[in-house]
N, C-alpha and C. Protein backbone atom coordinates (compact mmCIF):
# COMPACT_ATOMS: atom_id res chain seq x y z
N MET A 1 28.57 -3.97 93.25
CA MET A 1 28.45 -4.70 91.99
C MET A 1 28.45 -3.70 90.85
N ASN A 2 29.23 -3.98 89.84
CA ASN A 2 29.32 -3.14 88.66
C ASN A 2 28.34 -3.64 87.60
N LEU A 3 27.41 -2.81 87.17
CA LEU A 3 26.43 -3.18 86.17
C LEU A 3 27.08 -3.18 84.79
N THR A 4 27.13 -4.37 84.17
CA THR A 4 27.80 -4.50 82.86
C THR A 4 26.82 -4.66 81.71
N GLY A 5 25.61 -5.09 81.99
CA GLY A 5 24.66 -5.37 80.92
C GLY A 5 24.81 -6.76 80.34
N HIS A 6 25.80 -7.51 80.82
CA HIS A 6 26.02 -8.87 80.34
C HIS A 6 25.01 -9.82 80.96
N LEU A 7 24.89 -11.00 80.39
CA LEU A 7 24.06 -12.05 80.96
C LEU A 7 24.80 -12.66 82.15
N LEU A 8 24.07 -13.03 83.19
CA LEU A 8 24.65 -13.76 84.31
C LEU A 8 24.16 -15.19 84.22
N ILE A 9 25.04 -16.08 83.80
CA ILE A 9 24.71 -17.50 83.64
C ILE A 9 25.56 -18.27 84.63
N GLY A 10 24.91 -18.79 85.67
CA GLY A 10 25.66 -19.40 86.75
C GLY A 10 26.52 -18.33 87.39
N ALA A 11 27.81 -18.54 87.45
CA ALA A 11 28.73 -17.54 88.00
C ALA A 11 29.45 -16.79 86.89
N ALA A 12 29.07 -17.03 85.63
CA ALA A 12 29.77 -16.42 84.50
C ALA A 12 29.09 -15.12 84.05
N ASP A 13 29.89 -14.16 83.68
CA ASP A 13 29.46 -12.88 83.12
C ASP A 13 29.62 -13.01 81.60
N VAL A 14 28.50 -13.20 80.89
CA VAL A 14 28.55 -13.55 79.47
C VAL A 14 28.07 -12.37 78.62
N PRO A 15 28.91 -11.90 77.66
CA PRO A 15 28.49 -10.79 76.79
C PRO A 15 27.41 -11.23 75.80
N ALA A 16 26.80 -10.25 75.15
CA ALA A 16 25.71 -10.50 74.21
C ALA A 16 26.16 -11.36 73.04
N THR A 17 25.25 -12.24 72.59
CA THR A 17 25.52 -13.02 71.39
C THR A 17 24.47 -12.76 70.33
N GLU A 18 23.33 -12.18 70.72
CA GLU A 18 22.23 -11.97 69.78
C GLU A 18 21.78 -10.51 69.75
N GLY A 19 22.67 -9.59 70.07
CA GLY A 19 22.33 -8.17 70.05
C GLY A 19 22.17 -7.59 71.44
N THR A 20 21.83 -6.31 71.48
CA THR A 20 21.69 -5.60 72.75
C THR A 20 20.50 -4.63 72.67
N MET A 21 20.14 -4.10 73.82
CA MET A 21 19.12 -3.06 73.90
C MET A 21 19.44 -2.16 75.07
N LYS A 22 18.89 -0.96 75.05
CA LYS A 22 19.04 -0.04 76.18
C LYS A 22 17.68 0.16 76.84
N ALA A 23 17.71 0.36 78.15
CA ALA A 23 16.49 0.67 78.90
C ALA A 23 16.17 2.15 78.70
N LEU A 24 14.89 2.51 78.88
CA LEU A 24 14.44 3.88 78.72
C LEU A 24 13.99 4.44 80.07
N ASN A 25 14.47 5.61 80.40
CA ASN A 25 14.01 6.32 81.59
C ASN A 25 12.78 7.12 81.19
N PRO A 26 11.57 6.71 81.60
CA PRO A 26 10.37 7.40 81.15
C PRO A 26 10.24 8.83 81.69
N ALA A 27 10.91 9.13 82.80
CA ALA A 27 10.83 10.48 83.36
C ALA A 27 11.56 11.49 82.50
N THR A 28 12.66 11.06 81.88
CA THR A 28 13.47 11.98 81.07
C THR A 28 13.45 11.63 79.59
N ASN A 29 12.83 10.49 79.26
CA ASN A 29 12.79 9.98 77.88
C ASN A 29 14.20 9.78 77.31
N SER A 30 15.15 9.42 78.20
CA SER A 30 16.52 9.18 77.75
C SER A 30 16.88 7.72 77.95
N LEU A 31 17.84 7.26 77.17
CA LEU A 31 18.31 5.88 77.26
C LEU A 31 19.29 5.74 78.41
N ILE A 32 19.25 4.58 79.06
CA ILE A 32 20.09 4.31 80.22
C ILE A 32 21.21 3.35 79.82
N GLU A 33 22.42 3.67 80.21
CA GLU A 33 23.57 2.81 79.99
C GLU A 33 23.69 1.82 81.15
N PRO A 34 24.29 0.66 80.95
CA PRO A 34 24.85 0.13 79.72
C PRO A 34 23.78 -0.57 78.89
N GLU A 35 24.18 -1.00 77.70
CA GLU A 35 23.29 -1.82 76.89
C GLU A 35 23.15 -3.19 77.54
N PHE A 36 21.95 -3.76 77.45
CA PHE A 36 21.71 -5.08 78.03
C PHE A 36 21.77 -6.15 76.94
N ALA A 37 22.37 -7.27 77.28
CA ALA A 37 22.65 -8.34 76.33
C ALA A 37 21.43 -9.19 76.03
N PHE A 38 21.34 -9.62 74.79
CA PHE A 38 20.40 -10.66 74.38
C PHE A 38 21.22 -11.93 74.19
N GLY A 39 20.75 -13.02 74.74
CA GLY A 39 21.43 -14.30 74.57
C GLY A 39 20.72 -15.14 73.53
N GLY A 40 21.43 -16.13 73.03
CA GLY A 40 20.87 -17.03 72.04
C GLY A 40 20.55 -18.39 72.64
N ALA A 41 20.19 -19.30 71.77
CA ALA A 41 19.80 -20.65 72.19
C ALA A 41 20.92 -21.34 72.97
N GLU A 42 22.16 -21.11 72.59
CA GLU A 42 23.29 -21.75 73.26
C GLU A 42 23.36 -21.34 74.74
N GLN A 43 23.09 -20.06 75.02
CA GLN A 43 23.13 -19.59 76.40
C GLN A 43 21.97 -20.15 77.22
N VAL A 44 20.84 -20.41 76.59
CA VAL A 44 19.69 -20.97 77.30
C VAL A 44 19.82 -22.48 77.45
N ASP A 45 20.20 -23.16 76.38
CA ASP A 45 20.26 -24.62 76.40
C ASP A 45 21.38 -25.15 77.28
N GLY A 46 22.50 -24.46 77.35
CA GLY A 46 23.63 -24.93 78.15
C GLY A 46 23.27 -25.14 79.61
N PRO A 47 22.80 -24.10 80.32
CA PRO A 47 22.43 -24.28 81.73
C PRO A 47 21.25 -25.24 81.91
N ALA A 48 20.33 -25.27 80.96
CA ALA A 48 19.18 -26.18 81.09
C ALA A 48 19.62 -27.63 81.08
N ALA A 49 20.72 -27.93 80.41
CA ALA A 49 21.22 -29.31 80.35
C ALA A 49 21.82 -29.75 81.69
N LEU A 50 22.07 -28.79 82.59
CA LEU A 50 22.65 -29.12 83.89
C LEU A 50 21.59 -29.48 84.94
N LEU A 51 20.30 -29.44 84.55
CA LEU A 51 19.25 -29.80 85.51
C LEU A 51 19.39 -31.24 85.95
N PRO A 52 18.99 -31.56 87.20
CA PRO A 52 19.03 -32.96 87.65
C PRO A 52 18.19 -33.84 86.72
N GLU A 53 18.62 -35.04 86.54
CA GLU A 53 17.95 -35.99 85.64
C GLU A 53 16.45 -36.08 85.91
N ALA A 54 16.08 -36.08 87.18
CA ALA A 54 14.65 -36.21 87.53
C ALA A 54 13.82 -35.04 87.03
N LEU A 55 14.43 -33.90 86.79
CA LEU A 55 13.70 -32.74 86.30
C LEU A 55 13.72 -32.63 84.79
N ARG A 56 14.56 -33.39 84.12
CA ARG A 56 14.67 -33.30 82.66
C ARG A 56 13.54 -34.02 81.96
N ASP A 57 13.23 -35.22 82.38
CA ASP A 57 12.25 -36.06 81.69
C ASP A 57 11.10 -36.37 82.63
N GLY A 58 9.91 -35.95 82.26
CA GLY A 58 8.75 -36.24 83.08
C GLY A 58 8.83 -35.55 84.42
N ASN A 59 8.23 -36.13 85.39
CA ASN A 59 8.25 -35.59 86.75
C ASN A 59 8.24 -36.76 87.73
N ARG A 60 9.27 -37.59 87.63
CA ARG A 60 9.32 -38.81 88.43
C ARG A 60 9.23 -38.58 89.92
N LEU A 61 9.73 -37.45 90.40
CA LEU A 61 9.69 -37.17 91.84
C LEU A 61 8.42 -36.44 92.24
N GLN A 62 7.51 -36.20 91.28
CA GLN A 62 6.25 -35.51 91.53
C GLN A 62 6.46 -34.14 92.18
N LEU A 63 7.49 -33.42 91.70
CA LEU A 63 7.78 -32.09 92.22
C LEU A 63 6.82 -31.08 91.60
N PRO A 64 6.26 -30.17 92.39
CA PRO A 64 5.38 -29.15 91.81
C PRO A 64 6.21 -28.21 90.93
N ARG A 65 5.74 -27.97 89.72
CA ARG A 65 6.44 -27.07 88.81
C ARG A 65 5.48 -26.60 87.75
N LEU A 66 5.81 -25.48 87.13
CA LEU A 66 4.99 -24.91 86.07
C LEU A 66 5.56 -25.28 84.72
N VAL A 67 4.70 -25.69 83.80
CA VAL A 67 5.07 -25.94 82.43
C VAL A 67 4.07 -25.20 81.58
N ASP A 68 4.51 -24.25 80.80
CA ASP A 68 3.63 -23.41 79.99
C ASP A 68 2.53 -22.78 80.84
N GLY A 69 2.88 -22.32 82.05
CA GLY A 69 1.93 -21.64 82.93
C GLY A 69 0.93 -22.54 83.63
N GLN A 70 1.06 -23.87 83.48
CA GLN A 70 0.12 -24.79 84.11
C GLN A 70 0.78 -25.57 85.22
């Protein structure tokens, strides 16, 4: 696998839309390539809309899940 720094959304390799950052190697205090992508609301909201209906509204199937850490 080639590390691109892009977002992996589903099977898509998506470049940054909200900026980038580099990781820091604390042993050498140097930046590590490549830059990692920041995604925006569109990248988060798109896949979230693909959730099964039962998981979108309420919890009709009584599935265990975390909401705000609870």
